[in-house]
Amino acid sequence: MSQTLQVGVLVLLALLAANLPFVNHRLLVLGPLRQPKSLAWRLLELVLLYFVVGVIGLALEHNAGQIAPQGWEFYAITGTMFLTLAFPGFVYRYLAQRRD
């Protein structure tokens, strides 16, 4: 797989993972939930999925060659990008959905 394709797949995976807590009603995508998930659970899932996507990106980088060292700036930027990718799911769940 080419490096350009790997980056594209990782960005699509991040987009799906960032929106998953807001479109899925199950706890951590696996377990059943007897009551609606609160925003705190959804944010906890969002952080967990951020780290899952980060580990996949790290594995892809390791596969391509040497892993470059990253400072706190890298994690601050990727965290805000992940939150930006989660915006459509947040809008769907809390702002656009009608509650009858």
C-alpha atoms as a PDB file:
ATOM      1  CA  MET A   1       0.000   0.000   0.000  1.00  0.00           C
ATOM      2  CA  SER A   2       1.410   3.382  -0.955  1.00  0.00           C
ATOM      3  CA  GLN A   3       2.038   6.040   1.641  1.00  0.00           C
ATOM      4  CA  THR A   4      -0.553   8.364   0.093  1.00  0.00           C
ATOM      5  CA  LEU A   5      -3.187   5.650   0.309  1.00  0.00           C
ATOM      6  CA  GLN A   6      -2.238   4.965   3.935  1.00  0.00           C
ATOM      7  CA  VAL A   7      -2.728   8.616   4.838  1.00  0.00           C
ATOM      8  CA  GLY A   8      -6.104   8.690   3.080  1.00  0.00           C
ATOM      9  CA  VAL A   9      -7.257   5.537   4.849  1.00  0.00           C
ATOM     10  CA  LEU A  10      -6.121   6.940   8.199  1.00  0.00           C
ATOM     11  CA  VAL A  11      -8.002  10.201   7.662  1.00  0.00           C
ATOM     12  CA  LEU A  12     -11.184   8.308   6.693  1.00  0.00           C
ATOM     13  CA  LEU A  13     -10.774   6.058   9.725  1.00  0.00           C
ATOM     14  CA  ALA A  14     -10.375   9.125  11.941  1.00  0.00           C
ATOM     15  CA  LEU A  15     -13.522  10.660  10.453  1.00  0.00           C
ATOM     16  CA  LEU A  16     -15.529   7.512  11.131  1.00  0.00           C
ATOM     17  CA  ALA A  17     -14.081   7.037  14.623  1.00  0.00           C
ATOM     18  CA  ALA A  18     -14.702  10.666  15.591  1.00  0.00           C
ATOM     19  CA  ASN A  19     -18.388  10.457  14.677  1.00  0.00           C
ATOM     20  CA  LEU A  20     -19.027   6.952  16.010  1.00  0.00           C
ATOM     21  CA  PRO A  21     -19.791   7.955  19.629  1.00  0.00           C
ATOM     22  CA  PHE A  22     -22.510  10.328  18.447  1.00  0.00           C
ATOM     23  CA  VAL A  23     -24.305   8.018  16.003  1.00  0.00           C
ATOM     24  CA  ASN A  24     -24.064   4.810  18.028  1.00  0.00           C
ATOM     25  CA  HIS A  25     -26.338   4.129  21.006  1.00  0.00           C
ATOM     26  CA  ARG A  26     -24.240   1.307  22.483  1.00  0.00           C
ATOM     27  CA  LEU A  27     -21.650   1.781  25.189  1.00  0.00           C
ATOM     28  CA  LEU A  28     -18.145   1.597  23.687  1.00  0.00           C
ATOM     29  CA  VAL A  29     -19.747   0.289  20.474  1.00  0.00           C
ATOM     30  CA  LEU A  30     -20.105  -3.165  22.046  1.00  0.00           C
ATOM     31  CA  GLY A  31     -22.270  -3.322  25.130  1.00  0.00           C
ATOM     32  CA  PRO A  32     -25.985  -2.733  25.434  1.00  0.00           C
ATOM     33  CA  LEU A  33     -27.213   0.315  27.266  1.00  0.00           C
ATOM     34  CA  ARG A  34     -30.406   0.431  29.285  1.00  0.00           C
ATOM     35  CA  GLN A  35     -30.634   4.220  29.306  1.00  0.00           C
ATOM     36  CA  PRO A  36     -29.508   6.899  26.843  1.00  0.00           C
ATOM     37  CA  LYS A  37     -25.798   7.717  26.849  1.00  0.00           C
ATOM     38  CA  SER A  38     -24.839  11.014  28.419  1.00  0.00           C
ATOM     39  CA  LEU A  39     -22.496  13.514  26.838  1.00  0.00           C
ATOM     40  CA  ALA A  40     -19.783  12.490  29.316  1.00  0.00           C
ATOM     41  CA  TRP A  41     -19.863   8.874  28.049  1.00  0.00           C
ATOM     42  CA  ARG A  42     -19.730  10.090  24.463  1.00  0.00           C
ATOM     43  CA  LEU A  43     -16.705  12.300  25.200  1.00  0.00           C
ATOM     44  CA  LEU A  44     -14.967   9.431  26.997  1.00  0.00           C
ATOM     45  CA  GLU A  45     -15.544   7.229  23.945  1.00  0.00           C
ATOM     46  CA  LEU A  46     -14.225  10.040  21.736  1.00  0.00           C
ATOM     47  CA  VAL A  47     -10.971  10.210  23.709  1.00  0.00           C
ATOM     48  CA  LEU A  48     -10.611   6.434  23.651  1.00  0.00           C
ATOM     49  CA  LEU A  49     -11.157   6.314  19.882  1.00  0.00           C
ATOM     50  CA  TYR A  50      -8.610   9.137  19.435  1.00  0.00           C
ATOM     51  CA  PHE A  51      -5.995   6.901  21.038  1.00  0.00           C
ATOM     52  CA  VAL A  52      -7.091   3.880  18.967  1.00  0.00           C
ATOM     53  CA  VAL A  53      -6.687   5.844  15.734  1.00  0.00           C
ATOM     54  CA  GLY A  54      -3.350   7.155  17.017  1.00  0.00           C
ATOM     55  CA  VAL A  55      -2.085   3.623  17.620  1.00  0.00           C
ATOM     56  CA  ILE A  56      -3.160   2.613  14.113  1.00  0.00           C
ATOM     57  CA  GLY A  57      -1.367   5.656  12.688  1.00  0.00           C
ATOM     58  CA  LEU A  58       1.726   4.779  14.696  1.00  0.00           C
ATOM     59  CA  ALA A  59       1.624   1.232  13.326  1.00  0.00           C
ATOM     60  CA  LEU A  60       1.333   2.550   9.765  1.00  0.00           C
ATOM     61  CA  GLU A  61       4.254   4.906  10.357  1.00  0.00           C
ATOM     62  CA  HIS A  62       6.324   2.074  11.820  1.00  0.00           C
ATOM     63  CA  ASN A  63       5.490  -0.025   8.754  1.00  0.00           C
ATOM     64  CA  ALA A  64       6.657   2.771   6.435  1.00  0.00           C
ATOM     65  CA  GLY A  65       9.970   3.329   8.217  1.00  0.00           C
ATOM     66  CA  GLN A  66      11.378   4.975  11.296  1.00  0.00           C
ATOM     67  CA  ILE A  67       8.930   6.593  13.738  1.00  0.00           C
ATOM     68  CA  ALA A  68       9.542  10.326  14.101  1.00  0.00           C
ATOM     69  CA  PRO A  69       9.584  11.726  17.661  1.00  0.00           C
ATOM     70  CA  GLN A  70       6.638  14.011  18.443  1.00  0.00           C
ATOM     71  CA  GLY A  71       6.272  16.799  20.993  1.00  0.00           C
ATOM     72  CA  TRP A  72       3.200  18.041  22.813  1.00  0.00           C
ATOM     73  CA  GLU A  73       2.355  20.310  19.861  1.00  0.00           C
ATOM     74  CA  PHE A  74       1.679  17.292  17.652  1.00  0.00           C
ATOM     75  CA  TYR A  75      -0.821  15.848  20.119  1.00  0.00           C
ATOM     76  CA  ALA A  76      -2.503  19.214  20.655  1.00  0.00           C
ATOM     77  CA  ILE A  77      -3.007  19.657  16.907  1.00  0.00           C
ATOM     78  CA  THR A  78      -4.183  16.086  16.241  1.00  0.00           C
ATOM     79  CA  GLY A  79      -6.561  16.282  19.214  1.00  0.00           C
ATOM     80  CA  THR A  80      -8.165  19.470  17.914  1.00  0.00           C
ATOM     81  CA  MET A  81      -8.348  17.976  14.415  1.00  0.00           C
ATOM     82  CA  PHE A  82     -10.101  14.907  15.842  1.00  0.00           C
ATOM     83  CA  LEU A  83     -12.593  17.164  17.648  1.00  0.00           C
ATOM     84  CA  THR A  84     -13.179  19.048  14.393  1.00  0.00           C
ATOM     85  CA  LEU A  85     -13.862  15.763  12.595  1.00  0.00           C
ATOM     86  CA  ALA A  86     -16.389  14.905  15.339  1.00  0.00           C
ATOM     87  CA  PHE A  87     -18.419  18.058  14.735  1.00  0.00           C
ATOM     88  CA  PRO A  88     -20.875  16.553  12.194  1.00  0.00           C
ATOM     89  CA  GLY A  89     -21.793  13.750  14.609  1.00  0.00           C
ATOM     90  CA  PHE A  90     -22.237  16.229  17.464  1.00  0.00           C
ATOM     91  CA  VAL A  91     -24.500  18.416  15.321  1.00  0.00           C
ATOM     92  CA  TYR A  92     -26.541  15.376  14.286  1.00  0.00           C
ATOM     93  CA  ARG A  93     -26.979  14.156  17.860  1.00  0.00           C
ATOM     94  CA  TYR A  94     -27.581  17.382  19.769  1.00  0.00           C
ATOM     95  CA  LEU A  95     -28.494  20.174  17.364  1.00  0.00           C
ATOM     96  CA  ALA A  96     -30.185  18.822  14.232  1.00  0.00           C
ATOM     97  CA  GLN A  97     -32.199  15.908  15.581  1.00  0.00           C
ATOM     98  CA  ARG A  98     -35.820  16.689  16.369  1.00  0.00           C
ATOM     99  CA  ARG A  99     -37.141  15.444  19.691  1.00  0.00           C
ATOM    100  CA  ASP A 100     -40.871  14.824  19.468  1.00  0.00           C
END
